[in-house]
PDB file of N, CA and C in Angstrom:
ATOM      1  N   UNK A   1      17.632 -24.023  11.670  1.00  0.00           N
ATOM      2  CA  UNK A   1      16.347 -23.553  11.171  1.00  0.00           C
ATOM      3  C   UNK A   1      15.410 -23.586  12.407  1.00  0.00           C
ATOM      4  N   UNK A   2      14.507 -22.537  12.482  1.00  0.00           N
ATOM      5  CA  UNK A   2      13.548 -22.447  13.544  1.00  0.00           C
ATOM      6  C   UNK A   2      12.173 -22.370  12.954  1.00  0.00           C
ATOM      7  N   UNK A   3      11.273 -23.218  13.469  1.00  0.00           N
ATOM      8  CA  UNK A   3       9.877 -23.154  12.996  1.00  0.00           C
ATOM      9  C   UNK A   3       9.111 -22.103  13.780  1.00  0.00           C
ATOM     10  N   UNK A   4       8.387 -21.242  13.053  1.00  0.00           N
ATOM     11  CA  UNK A   4       7.618 -20.200  13.646  1.00  0.00           C
ATOM     12  C   UNK A   4       6.201 -20.260  13.101  1.00  0.00           C
ATOM     13  N   UNK A   5       5.220 -20.148  14.042  1.00  0.00           N
ATOM     14  CA  UNK A   5       3.758 -20.156  13.666  1.00  0.00           C
ATOM     15  C   UNK A   5       3.262 -18.780  13.843  1.00  0.00           C
ATOM     16  N   UNK A   6       2.383 -18.368  12.829  1.00  0.00           N
ATOM     17  CA  UNK A   6       1.790 -17.047  12.912  1.00  0.00           C
ATOM     18  C   UNK A   6       0.538 -17.050  12.113  1.00  0.00           C
ATOM     19  N   UNK A   7      -0.276 -15.963  12.190  1.00  0.00           N
ATOM     20  CA  UNK A   7      -1.529 -15.830  11.480  1.00  0.00           C
ATOM     21  C   UNK A   7      -1.328 -15.059  10.171  1.00  0.00           C
ATOM     22  N   UNK A   8      -1.959 -15.491   9.093  1.00  0.00           N
ATOM     23  CA  UNK A   8      -1.899 -14.809   7.856  1.00  0.00           C
ATOM     24  C   UNK A   8      -2.689 -13.451   8.040  1.00  0.00           C
ATOM     25  N   UNK A   9      -2.154 -12.344   7.571  1.00  0.00           N
ATOM     26  CA  UNK A   9      -2.849 -11.082   7.668  1.00  0.00           C
ATOM     27  C   UNK A   9      -4.083 -10.928   6.745  1.00  0.00           C
ATOM     28  N   UNK A  10      -4.242 -11.952   5.829  1.00  0.00           N
ATOM     29  CA  UNK A  10      -5.351 -11.856   4.880  1.00  0.00           C
ATOM     30  C   UNK A  10      -6.517 -12.783   5.363  1.00  0.00           C
ATOM     31  N   UNK A  11      -6.197 -14.105   5.566  1.00  0.00           N
ATOM     32  CA  UNK A  11      -7.241 -15.088   5.802  1.00  0.00           C
ATOM     33  C   UNK A  11      -7.268 -15.488   7.271  1.00  0.00           C
ATOM     34  N   UNK A  12      -6.319 -14.980   8.103  1.00  0.00           N
ATOM     35  CA  UNK A  12      -6.223 -15.298   9.510  1.00  0.00           C
ATOM     36  C   UNK A  12      -5.967 -16.784   9.795  1.00  0.00           C
ATOM     37  N   UNK A  13      -5.651 -17.563   8.764  1.00  0.00           N
ATOM     38  CA  UNK A  13      -5.295 -18.961   8.996  1.00  0.00           C
ATOM     39  C   UNK A  13      -3.906 -19.023   9.630  1.00  0.00           C
ATOM     40  N   UNK A  14      -3.706 -20.083  10.495  1.00  0.00           N
ATOM     41  CA  UNK A  14      -2.435 -20.262  11.124  1.00  0.00           C
ATOM     42  C   UNK A  14      -1.530 -20.969  10.124  1.00  0.00           C
ATOM     43  N   UNK A  15      -0.355 -20.428   9.923  1.00  0.00           N
ATOM     44  CA  UNK A  15       0.652 -21.033   9.052  1.00  0.00           C
ATOM     45  C   UNK A  15       1.970 -21.163   9.830  1.00  0.00           C
ATOM     46  N   UNK A  16       2.866 -22.003   9.290  1.00  0.00           N
ATOM     47  CA  UNK A  16       4.107 -22.108   9.890  1.00  0.00           C
ATOM     48  C   UNK A  16       5.188 -21.855   8.834  1.00  0.00           C
ATOM     49  N   UNK A  17       6.327 -21.437   9.266  1.00  0.00           N
ATOM     50  CA  UNK A  17       7.425 -21.127   8.397  1.00  0.00           C
ATOM     51  C   UNK A  17       8.747 -21.509   9.005  1.00  0.00           C
ATOM     52  N   UNK A  18       9.666 -22.055   8.233  1.00  0.00           N
ATOM     53  CA  UNK A  18      11.042 -22.345   8.756  1.00  0.00           C
ATOM     54  C   UNK A  18      11.865 -21.079   8.485  1.00  0.00           C
ATOM     55  N   UNK A  19      12.458 -20.574   9.511  1.00  0.00           N
ATOM     56  CA  UNK A  19      13.342 -19.366   9.418  1.00  0.00           C
ATOM     57  C   UNK A  19      14.792 -19.790   9.735  1.00  0.00           C
ATOM     58  N   UNK A  20      15.695 -19.241   8.890  1.00  0.00           N
ATOM     59  CA  UNK A  20      17.090 -19.539   9.062  1.00  0.00           C
ATOM     60  C   UNK A  20      17.720 -18.621  10.116  1.00  0.00           C
ATOM     61  N   UNK A  21      17.976 -19.130  11.334  1.00  0.00           N
ATOM     62  CA  UNK A  21      18.490 -18.309  12.386  1.00  0.00           C
ATOM     63  C   UNK A  21      19.889 -17.833  12.231  1.00  0.00           C
ATOM     64  N   UNK A  22      20.614 -18.331  11.189  1.00  0.00           N
ATOM     65  CA  UNK A  22      21.989 -17.872  10.948  1.00  0.00           C
ATOM     66  C   UNK A  22      22.026 -16.505  10.182  1.00  0.00           C
ATOM     67  N   UNK A  23      20.783 -16.150   9.647  1.00  0.00           N
ATOM     68  CA  UNK A  23      20.684 -14.791   9.021  1.00  0.00           C
ATOM     69  C   UNK A  23      20.004 -13.911   9.987  1.00  0.00           C
ATOM     70  N   UNK A  24      20.761 -12.916  10.531  1.00  0.00           N
ATOM     71  CA  UNK A  24      20.253 -12.064  11.620  1.00  0.00           C
ATOM     72  C   UNK A  24      19.059 -11.246  11.275  1.00  0.00           C
ATOM     73  N   UNK A  25      19.067 -10.604  10.105  1.00  0.00           N
ATOM     74  CA  UNK A  25      18.021  -9.664   9.677  1.00  0.00           C
ATOM     75  C   UNK A  25      17.505 -10.186   8.287  1.00  0.00           C
ATOM     76  N   UNK A  26      16.218 -10.498   8.287  1.00  0.00           N
ATOM     77  CA  UNK A  26      15.605 -10.998   7.054  1.00  0.00           C
ATOM     78  C   UNK A  26      14.336 -10.224   6.723  1.00  0.00           C
ATOM     79  N   UNK A  27      14.216  -9.875   5.421  1.00  0.00           N
ATOM     80  CA  UNK A  27      12.973  -9.283   4.935  1.00  0.00           C
ATOM     81  C   UNK A  27      12.760  -9.922   3.554  1.00  0.00           C
ATOM     82  N   UNK A  28      11.599 -10.479   3.344  1.00  0.00           N
ATOM     83  CA  UNK A  28      11.279 -11.061   2.049  1.00  0.00           C
ATOM     84  C   UNK A  28       9.772 -11.253   1.906  1.00  0.00           C
ATOM     85  N   UNK A  29       9.333 -11.649   0.678  1.00  0.00           N
ATOM     86  CA  UNK A  29       7.934 -11.850   0.403  1.00  0.00           C
ATOM     87  C   UNK A  29       7.721 -13.373   0.290  1.00  0.00           C
ATOM     88  N   UNK A  30       6.668 -13.817   0.942  1.00  0.00           N
ATOM     89  CA  UNK A  30       6.334 -15.308   0.898  1.00  0.00           C
ATOM     90  C   UNK A  30       4.819 -15.342   0.781  1.00  0.00           C
ATOM     91  N   UNK A  31       4.339 -16.298  -0.056  1.00  0.00           N
ATOM     92  CA  UNK A  31       2.919 -16.482  -0.245  1.00  0.00           C
ATOM     93  C   UNK A  31       2.358 -17.319   0.915  1.00  0.00           C
ATOM     94  N   UNK A  32       1.082 -16.959   1.342  1.00  0.00           N
ATOM     95  CA  UNK A  32       0.394 -17.704   2.399  1.00  0.00           C
ATOM     96  C   UNK A  32       0.112 -19.126   1.830  1.00  0.00           C
ATOM     97  N   UNK A  33       0.431 -20.123   2.652  1.00  0.00           N
ATOM     98  CA  UNK A  33       0.187 -21.507   2.226  1.00  0.00           C
ATOM     99  C   UNK A  33      -1.306 -21.897   2.245  1.00  0.00           C
ATOM    100  N   UNK A  34      -2.170 -21.014   2.824  1.00  0.00           N
ATOM    101  CA  UNK A  34      -3.612 -21.247   2.836  1.00  0.00           C
ATOM    102  C   UNK A  34      -4.292 -20.488   1.731  1.00  0.00           C
ATOM    103  N   UNK A  35      -4.090 -19.204   1.589  1.00  0.00           N
ATOM    104  CA  UNK A  35      -4.815 -18.402   0.593  1.00  0.00           C
ATOM    105  C   UNK A  35      -4.015 -17.890  -0.546  1.00  0.00           C
ATOM    106  N   UNK A  36      -2.680 -18.130  -0.502  1.00  0.00           N
ATOM    107  CA  UNK A  36      -1.793 -17.782  -1.592  1.00  0.00           C
ATOM    108  C   UNK A  36      -1.535 -16.285  -1.757  1.00  0.00           C
ATOM    109  N   UNK A  37      -1.981 -15.434  -0.879  1.00  0.00           N
ATOM    110  CA  UNK A  37      -1.727 -13.994  -0.939  1.00  0.00           C
ATOM    111  C   UNK A  37      -0.290 -13.678  -0.504  1.00  0.00           C
ATOM    112  N   UNK A  38       0.359 -12.696  -1.059  1.00  0.00           N
ATOM    113  CA  UNK A  38       1.763 -12.370  -0.644  1.00  0.00           C
ATOM    114  C   UNK A  38       1.834 -11.643   0.674  1.00  0.00           C
ATOM    115  N   UNK A  39       2.819 -12.066   1.489  1.00  0.00           N
ATOM    116  CA  UNK A  39       2.968 -11.501   2.820  1.00  0.00           C
ATOM    117  C   UNK A  39       4.435 -11.083   2.934  1.00  0.00           C
ATOM    118  N   UNK A  40       4.677  -9.832   3.503  1.00  0.00           N
ATOM    119  CA  UNK A  40       6.016  -9.348   3.691  1.00  0.00           C
ATOM    120  C   UNK A  40       6.445  -9.868   5.092  1.00  0.00           C
ATOM    121  N   UNK A  41       7.489 -10.652   5.058  1.00  0.00           N
ATOM    122  CA  UNK A  41       7.989 -11.244   6.325  1.00  0.00           C
ATOM    123  C   UNK A  41       9.239 -10.496   6.716  1.00  0.00           C
ATOM    124  N   UNK A  42       9.287 -10.117   8.023  1.00  0.00           N
ATOM    125  CA  UNK A  42      10.434  -9.409   8.597  1.00  0.00           C
ATOM    126  C   UNK A  42      10.828 -10.148   9.851  1.00  0.00           C
ATOM    127  N   UNK A  43      12.008 -10.711   9.928  1.00  0.00           N
ATOM    128  CA  UNK A  43      12.395 -11.477  11.091  1.00  0.00           C
ATOM    129  C   UNK A  43      13.807 -11.005  11.544  1.00  0.00           C
ATOM    130  N   UNK A  44      13.963 -10.925  12.838  1.00  0.00           N
ATOM    131  CA  UNK A  44      15.237 -10.477  13.396  1.00  0.00           C
ATOM    132  C   UNK A  44      15.637 -11.560  14.494  1.00  0.00           C
ATOM    133  N   UNK A  45      16.941 -11.923  14.369  1.00  0.00           N
ATOM    134  CA  UNK A  45      17.481 -12.918  15.373  1.00  0.00           C
ATOM    135  C   UNK A  45      18.643 -12.316  16.122  1.00  0.00           C
ATOM    136  N   UNK A  46      18.821 -12.736  17.350  1.00  0.00           N
ATOM    137  CA  UNK A  46      19.911 -12.390  18.190  1.00  0.00           C
ATOM    138  C   UNK A  46      20.369 -13.669  18.864  1.00  0.00           C
ATOM    139  N   UNK A  47      21.607 -14.035  18.687  1.00  0.00           N
ATOM    140  CA  UNK A  47      22.098 -15.257  19.224  1.00  0.00           C
ATOM    141  C   UNK A  47      21.271 -16.449  18.904  1.00  0.00           C
ATOM    142  N   UNK A  48      20.794 -16.578  17.668  1.00  0.00           N
ATOM    143  CA  UNK A  48      19.958 -17.629  17.092  1.00  0.00           C
ATOM    144  C   UNK A  48      18.587 -17.736  17.740  1.00  0.00           C
ATOM    145  N   UNK A  49      18.154 -16.719  18.447  1.00  0.00           N
ATOM    146  CA  UNK A  49      16.799 -16.685  18.993  1.00  0.00           C
ATOM    147  C   UNK A  49      16.034 -15.613  18.243  1.00  0.00           C
ATOM    148  N   UNK A  50      14.821 -15.899  17.892  1.00  0.00           N
ATOM    149  CA  UNK A  50      13.902 -14.907  17.228  1.00  0.00           C
ATOM    150  C   UNK A  50      13.523 -13.824  18.220  1.00  0.00           C
ATOM    151  N   UNK A  51      13.818 -12.557  17.899  1.00  0.00           N
ATOM    152  CA  UNK A  51      13.601 -11.500  18.831  1.00  0.00           C
ATOM    153  C   UNK A  51      12.499 -10.559  18.276  1.00  0.00           C
ATOM    154  N   UNK A  52      12.246 -10.622  16.965  1.00  0.00           N
ATOM    155  CA  UNK A  52      11.272  -9.724  16.361  1.00  0.00           C
ATOM    156  C   UNK A  52      10.740 -10.446  15.104  1.00  0.00           C
ATOM    157  N   UNK A  53       9.408 -10.404  14.889  1.00  0.00           N
ATOM    158  CA  UNK A  53       8.820 -11.020  13.733  1.00  0.00           C
ATOM    159  C   UNK A  53       7.569 -10.231  13.352  1.00  0.00           C
ATOM    160  N   UNK A  54       7.351  -9.972  12.073  1.00  0.00           N
ATOM    161  CA  UNK A  54       6.147  -9.338  11.589  1.00  0.00           C
ATOM    162  C   UNK A  54       5.760 -10.005  10.240  1.00  0.00           C
ATOM    163  N   UNK A  55       4.522 -10.084  10.040  1.00  0.00           N
ATOM    164  CA  UNK A  55       3.940 -10.621   8.817  1.00  0.00           C
ATOM    165  C   UNK A  55       2.905  -9.643   8.339  1.00  0.00           C
ATOM    166  N   UNK A  56       3.143  -8.858   7.265  1.00  0.00           N
ATOM    167  CA  UNK A  56       2.300  -7.695   6.859  1.00  0.00           C
ATOM    168  C   UNK A  56       1.720  -7.947   5.518  1.00  0.00           C
ATOM    169  N   UNK A  57       0.485  -7.650   5.345  1.00  0.00           N
ATOM    170  CA  UNK A  57      -0.221  -7.821   4.006  1.00  0.00           C
ATOM    171  C   UNK A  57       0.388  -6.713   3.087  1.00  0.00           C
ATOM    172  N   UNK A  58       0.301  -7.044   1.800  1.00  0.00           N
ATOM    173  CA  UNK A  58       0.787  -6.035   0.796  1.00  0.00           C
ATOM    174  C   UNK A  58      -0.327  -5.299   0.153  1.00  0.00           C
ATOM    175  N   UNK A  59      -1.521  -5.337   0.750  1.00  0.00           N
ATOM    176  CA  UNK A  59      -2.625  -4.588   0.214  1.00  0.00           C
ATOM    177  C   UNK A  59      -2.328  -3.077   0.294  1.00  0.00           C
ATOM    178  N   UNK A  60      -2.820  -2.350  -0.661  1.00  0.00           N
ATOM    179  CA  UNK A  60      -2.635  -0.949  -0.667  1.00  0.00           C
ATOM    180  C   UNK A  60      -3.853  -0.250  -0.126  1.00  0.00           C
TER     181      UNK A  60
END
C-alpha cells in the first residue's frame, strides 16, 4: 500500500489515500474525507511506483 496526498477538487482540502500498488490500473469513486463530495480517482502504477494520478470532481 502506498499513501498518496492530494487536494480535493471541491474544497481544496489536503487529503490522503492508501493506494494498492499491486493493482496496476485503478478507477473508482471515493468520498472526500473533508467535505464528503464524490471524487473519481484514477491511479496507474508501474513496478509498484505511482506513475499517474488524478482526482476529478463529478460535478456536471
